Amino acid sequence: MDPSVQAAAEAARGFMPPDEGIALHQAAMSVPVGGYPMLEIGSYCGKSAVYLGSAAAVRDTVLFALDHHRGSEENQPGWEWHEPDLVDAGTGRMDTLPLFRRTLFDAGLEASVVALVGESSVVGRHWTTPLSLLFIDGGHGAEPAHRDYQTWTPHVADGGQLVIHDVFPDPADGGRPPFEIYCRAMESGAFTEERAVGSLRVLRRVGPGC
């Protein structure tokens, strides 16, 4: 990974450790050149989009970065991961889109990352393009996590990758829904695990069904 782009990724606000970010980038670097696009669910301030988008630029494809930019459940006031300075004073609601755009600008990736601003379920109802890589890192509650899995995994192309963040086998380490959808993918027979780095799981599609 280009050192300046890696530095931009590590400097961006977010919750992904550098070793997991590099593993995410390496997974994206294995997609076919000029092939199907990638898509991430949950962009926050753009950290993961830099890791993925820099690979998309090299592989001659694009990353669609999908987020409503109002913050997940855990980002809301009173929750553990709330960051008060990300609240829009005019609306009283979280708004991470300006920082997301600045992150991409600073990394020089505006041509390789396309922001999709909206609810995952709404966009997913109208999506028809196969994906070379799907990264699930959206809402970590049971309903949004399983909905993202059900909505988007059918679009992962044969041989494509499904990457899931915040997978913690031990409940003491983190919430259960990302681990549950990881188990769901493995039990479906449609995916096989290629790599685990920290809480990141890299799977590859090997058959039909989700």
Protein backbone atom coordinates (compact mmCIF):
# COMPACT_ATOMS: atom_id res chain seq x y z
CA MET A 1 0.00 0.00 0.00
CA ASP A 2 1.30 3.45 -0.91
CA PRO A 3 2.77 4.90 2.32
CA SER A 4 1.08 8.29 1.89
CA VAL A 5 -2.32 6.69 1.33
CA GLN A 6 -1.78 4.35 4.27
CA ALA A 7 -0.95 7.37 6.41
CA ALA A 8 -4.17 9.05 5.27
CA ALA A 9 -6.14 5.94 6.20
CA GLU A 10 -4.58 5.70 9.64
CA ALA A 11 -5.14 9.42 10.26
CA ALA A 12 -8.83 9.24 9.34
CA ARG A 13 -11.38 9.01 12.13
CA GLY A 14 -12.77 5.58 12.69
CA PHE A 15 -12.45 2.38 14.66
CA MET A 16 -10.41 0.04 12.45
CA PRO A 17 -6.93 -0.92 13.71
CA PRO A 18 -4.12 -0.60 11.13
CA ASP A 19 -3.52 -4.35 10.81
CA GLU A 20 -7.19 -4.94 9.99
CA GLY A 21 -7.14 -2.04 7.55
CA ILE A 22 -4.14 -3.48 5.72
CA ALA A 23 -5.85 -6.89 5.58
CA LEU A 24 -8.92 -5.21 4.11
CA HIS A 25 -6.76 -3.48 1.50
CA GLN A 26 -5.02 -6.74 0.64
CA ALA A 27 -8.35 -8.49 0.18
CA ALA A 28 -9.45 -5.75 -2.20
CA MET A 29 -6.17 -6.00 -4.12
CA SER A 30 -7.08 -9.56 -5.13
CA VAL A 31 -10.19 -8.64 -7.13
CA PRO A 32 -9.91 -8.95 -10.94
CA VAL A 33 -8.58 -5.90 -12.76
CA GLY A 34 -11.41 -4.03 -14.45
CA GLY A 35 -13.98 -6.35 -12.93
CA TYR A 36 -17.12 -5.77 -10.92
CA PRO A 37 -17.19 -2.90 -8.41
CA MET A 38 -16.76 -3.21 -4.66
CA LEU A 39 -19.25 -2.01 -2.06
CA GLU A 40 -18.91 -1.20 1.61
CA ILE A 41 -21.79 -0.81 4.03
CA GLY A 42 -20.86 1.63 6.77
CA SER A 43 -18.36 4.32 5.81
CA TYR A 44 -18.46 6.65 8.84
CA CYS A 45 -15.66 9.20 8.24
CA GLY A 46 -13.95 7.29 5.43
CA LYS A 47 -11.20 5.23 7.03
CA SER A 48 -12.20 1.91 5.46
CA ALA A 49 -13.02 3.67 2.17
CA VAL A 50 -9.37 4.69 1.89
CA TYR A 51 -8.16 1.13 2.39
CA LEU A 52 -10.65 -0.18 -0.16
CA GLY A 53 -10.68 2.78 -2.52
CA SER A 54 -6.92 2.80 -2.95
CA ALA A 55 -7.13 -0.84 -4.04
CA ALA A 56 -10.06 -0.03 -6.35
CA ALA A 57 -7.89 2.59 -8.09
CA VAL A 58 -5.11 0.05 -8.68
CA ARG A 59 -7.54 -2.66 -9.84
CA ASP A 60 -9.27 -0.29 -12.29
CA THR A 61 -12.66 -0.48 -10.63
CA VAL A 62 -14.62 1.61 -8.11
CA LEU A 63 -15.79 1.36 -4.53
CA PHE A 64 -19.37 2.30 -3.74
CA ALA A 65 -19.39 3.58 -0.16
CA LEU A 66 -22.89 3.25 1.31
CA ASP A 67 -23.87 5.07 4.51
CA HIS A 68 -26.73 7.29 5.66
CA HIS A 69 -24.08 9.28 7.59
CA ARG A 70 -26.37 9.73 10.60
CA GLY A 71 -24.36 7.32 12.74
CA SER A 72 -25.13 3.78 13.84
CA GLU A 73 -26.89 2.93 17.09
CA GLU A 74 -23.64 2.94 19.04
CA ASN A 75 -22.74 6.43 17.72
CA GLN A 76 -25.82 8.15 19.13
CA PRO A 77 -25.78 10.41 22.23
CA GLY A 78 -25.50 8.42 25.43
CA TRP A 79 -23.83 5.44 23.73
CA GLU A 80 -20.22 4.29 24.07
CA TRP A 81 -18.97 5.38 20.64
CA HIS A 82 -20.68 8.77 20.43
CA GLU A 83 -18.51 11.66 19.22
CA PRO A 84 -20.28 14.94 20.07
CA ASP A 85 -18.38 17.08 17.57
CA LEU A 86 -19.95 15.07 14.73
CA VAL A 87 -23.43 16.35 15.61
CA ASP A 88 -24.77 18.94 13.15
CA ALA A 89 -25.76 21.94 15.26
CA GLY A 90 -28.49 22.87 12.79
CA THR A 91 -30.27 19.51 12.81
CA GLY A 92 -29.15 18.08 16.13
CA ARG A 93 -28.26 14.84 14.35
CA MET A 94 -25.03 13.06 13.52
CA ASP A 95 -23.56 13.99 10.15
CA THR A 96 -20.33 12.29 9.11
CA LEU A 97 -20.61 13.07 5.39
CA PRO A 98 -18.44 16.24 5.42
CA LEU A 99 -15.58 14.41 7.13
CA PHE A 100 -16.02 11.43 4.81
CA ARG A 101 -15.63 13.70 1.78
CA ARG A 102 -12.61 15.44 3.29
CA THR A 103 -10.96 12.08 4.01
CA LEU A 104 -11.30 11.03 0.38
CA PHE A 105 -10.03 14.40 -0.83
CA ASP A 106 -6.97 14.22 1.43
CA ALA A 107 -6.24 10.68 0.17
CA GLY A 108 -6.70 11.65 -3.49
CA LEU A 109 -9.43 9.05 -4.00
CA GLU A 110 -12.44 11.07 -5.13
CA ALA A 111 -12.28 9.42 -8.58
CA SER A 112 -12.23 5.89 -7.17
CA VAL A 113 -14.88 6.09 -4.42
CA VAL A 114 -18.55 6.84 -5.12
CA ALA A 115 -20.57 7.89 -2.08
CA LEU A 116 -24.05 6.41 -1.78
CA VAL A 117 -25.95 8.39 0.86
CA GLY A 118 -29.00 6.52 2.07
CA GLU A 119 -30.36 3.59 4.01
CA SER A 120 -28.81 0.25 3.11
CA SER A 121 -32.19 -1.44 2.79
CA VAL A 122 -33.56 1.24 0.44
CA VAL A 123 -30.55 1.22 -1.87
CA GLY A 124 -30.38 -2.56 -1.75
CA ARG A 125 -33.93 -2.97 -3.05
CA HIS A 126 -32.88 -1.36 -6.32
CA TRP A 127 -29.35 -2.76 -6.67
CA THR A 128 -28.67 -5.17 -9.55
CA THR A 129 -24.89 -5.04 -10.16
CA PRO A 130 -22.70 -8.00 -9.12
CA LEU A 131 -19.95 -7.20 -6.63
CA SER A 132 -16.35 -8.35 -6.57
CA LEU A 133 -16.13 -7.52 -2.86
CA LEU A 134 -18.73 -6.72 -0.21
CA PHE A 135 -17.60 -5.24 3.10
CA ILE A 136 -20.22 -5.29 5.88
CA ASP A 137 -19.51 -2.81 8.67
CA GLY A 138 -22.84 -1.01 9.12
CA GLY A 139 -25.22 -1.08 12.06
CA HIS A 140 -24.17 -3.69 14.61
CA GLY A 141 -27.62 -4.31 16.05
CA ALA A 142 -29.30 -7.61 15.22
CA GLU A 143 -31.83 -6.17 12.79
CA PRO A 144 -29.50 -4.00 10.65
CA ALA A 145 -26.67 -6.56 10.59
CA HIS A 146 -28.87 -9.45 9.45
CA ARG A 147 -30.73 -7.19 7.03
CA ASP A 148 -27.45 -6.09 5.44
CA TYR A 149 -26.38 -9.70 5.12
CA GLN A 150 -29.66 -10.80 3.58
CA THR A 151 -29.94 -7.81 1.25
CA TRP A 152 -26.41 -7.67 -0.10
CA THR A 153 -24.74 -11.10 -0.05
CA PRO A 154 -26.79 -12.34 -3.03
CA HIS A 155 -24.93 -9.74 -5.12
CA VAL A 156 -21.45 -11.14 -4.37
CA ALA A 157 -20.22 -12.63 -7.64
CA ASP A 158 -18.89 -16.16 -7.96
CA GLY A 159 -15.38 -16.11 -6.55
CA GLY A 160 -16.02 -12.69 -5.00
CA GLN A 161 -15.28 -11.78 -1.42
CA LEU A 162 -17.41 -11.10 1.62
CA VAL A 163 -15.56 -9.23 4.37
CA ILE A 164 -17.16 -8.72 7.79
CA HIS A 165 -15.83 -6.43 10.51
CA ASP A 166 -16.15 -6.66 14.31
CA VAL A 167 -16.50 -10.43 14.44
CA PHE A 168 -15.94 -11.43 18.06
CA PRO A 169 -16.38 -15.12 18.94
CA ASP A 170 -16.19 -14.25 22.66
CA PRO A 171 -19.24 -12.19 23.74
CA ALA A 172 -17.04 -10.41 26.27
CA ASP A 173 -15.10 -8.78 23.42
CA GLY A 174 -17.97 -7.26 21.46
CA GLY A 175 -21.53 -7.43 20.18
CA ARG A 176 -22.96 -10.61 18.69
CA PRO A 177 -24.65 -9.64 15.38
CA PRO A 178 -21.48 -9.40 13.24
CA PHE A 179 -20.39 -12.79 14.60
CA GLU A 180 -23.87 -14.14 13.89
CA ILE A 181 -23.81 -13.10 10.23
CA TYR A 182 -20.29 -14.51 9.92
CA CYS A 183 -21.63 -17.83 11.22
CA ARG A 184 -24.61 -17.53 8.91
CA ALA A 185 -22.30 -17.12 5.92
CA MET A 186 -20.13 -20.08 6.90
CA GLU A 187 -23.15 -22.31 7.55
CA SER A 188 -24.75 -21.38 4.23
CA GLY A 189 -22.19 -23.33 2.22
CA ALA A 190 -21.84 -20.31 -0.07
CA PHE A 191 -18.62 -18.98 1.49
CA THR A 192 -15.32 -20.28 2.75
CA GLU A 193 -13.00 -18.41 5.10
CA GLU A 194 -9.69 -17.25 3.68
CA ARG A 195 -8.28 -15.10 6.44
CA ALA A 196 -8.88 -13.72 9.92
CA VAL A 197 -7.04 -10.64 11.20
CA GLY A 198 -8.22 -9.29 14.53
CA SER A 199 -11.98 -8.92 14.22
CA LEU A 200 -11.87 -8.91 10.40
CA ARG A 201 -13.01 -12.01 8.50
CA VAL A 202 -12.31 -12.43 4.80
CA LEU A 203 -14.53 -14.99 3.05
CA ARG A 204 -14.79 -16.04 -0.59
CA ARG A 205 -17.91 -17.12 -2.44
CA VAL A 206 -17.68 -20.75 -3.54
CA GLY A 207 -21.30 -21.67 -4.21
CA PRO A 208 -24.92 -20.52 -4.46
CA GLY A 209 -27.19 -19.65 -1.59
CA CYS A 210 -26.88 -17.25 1.31
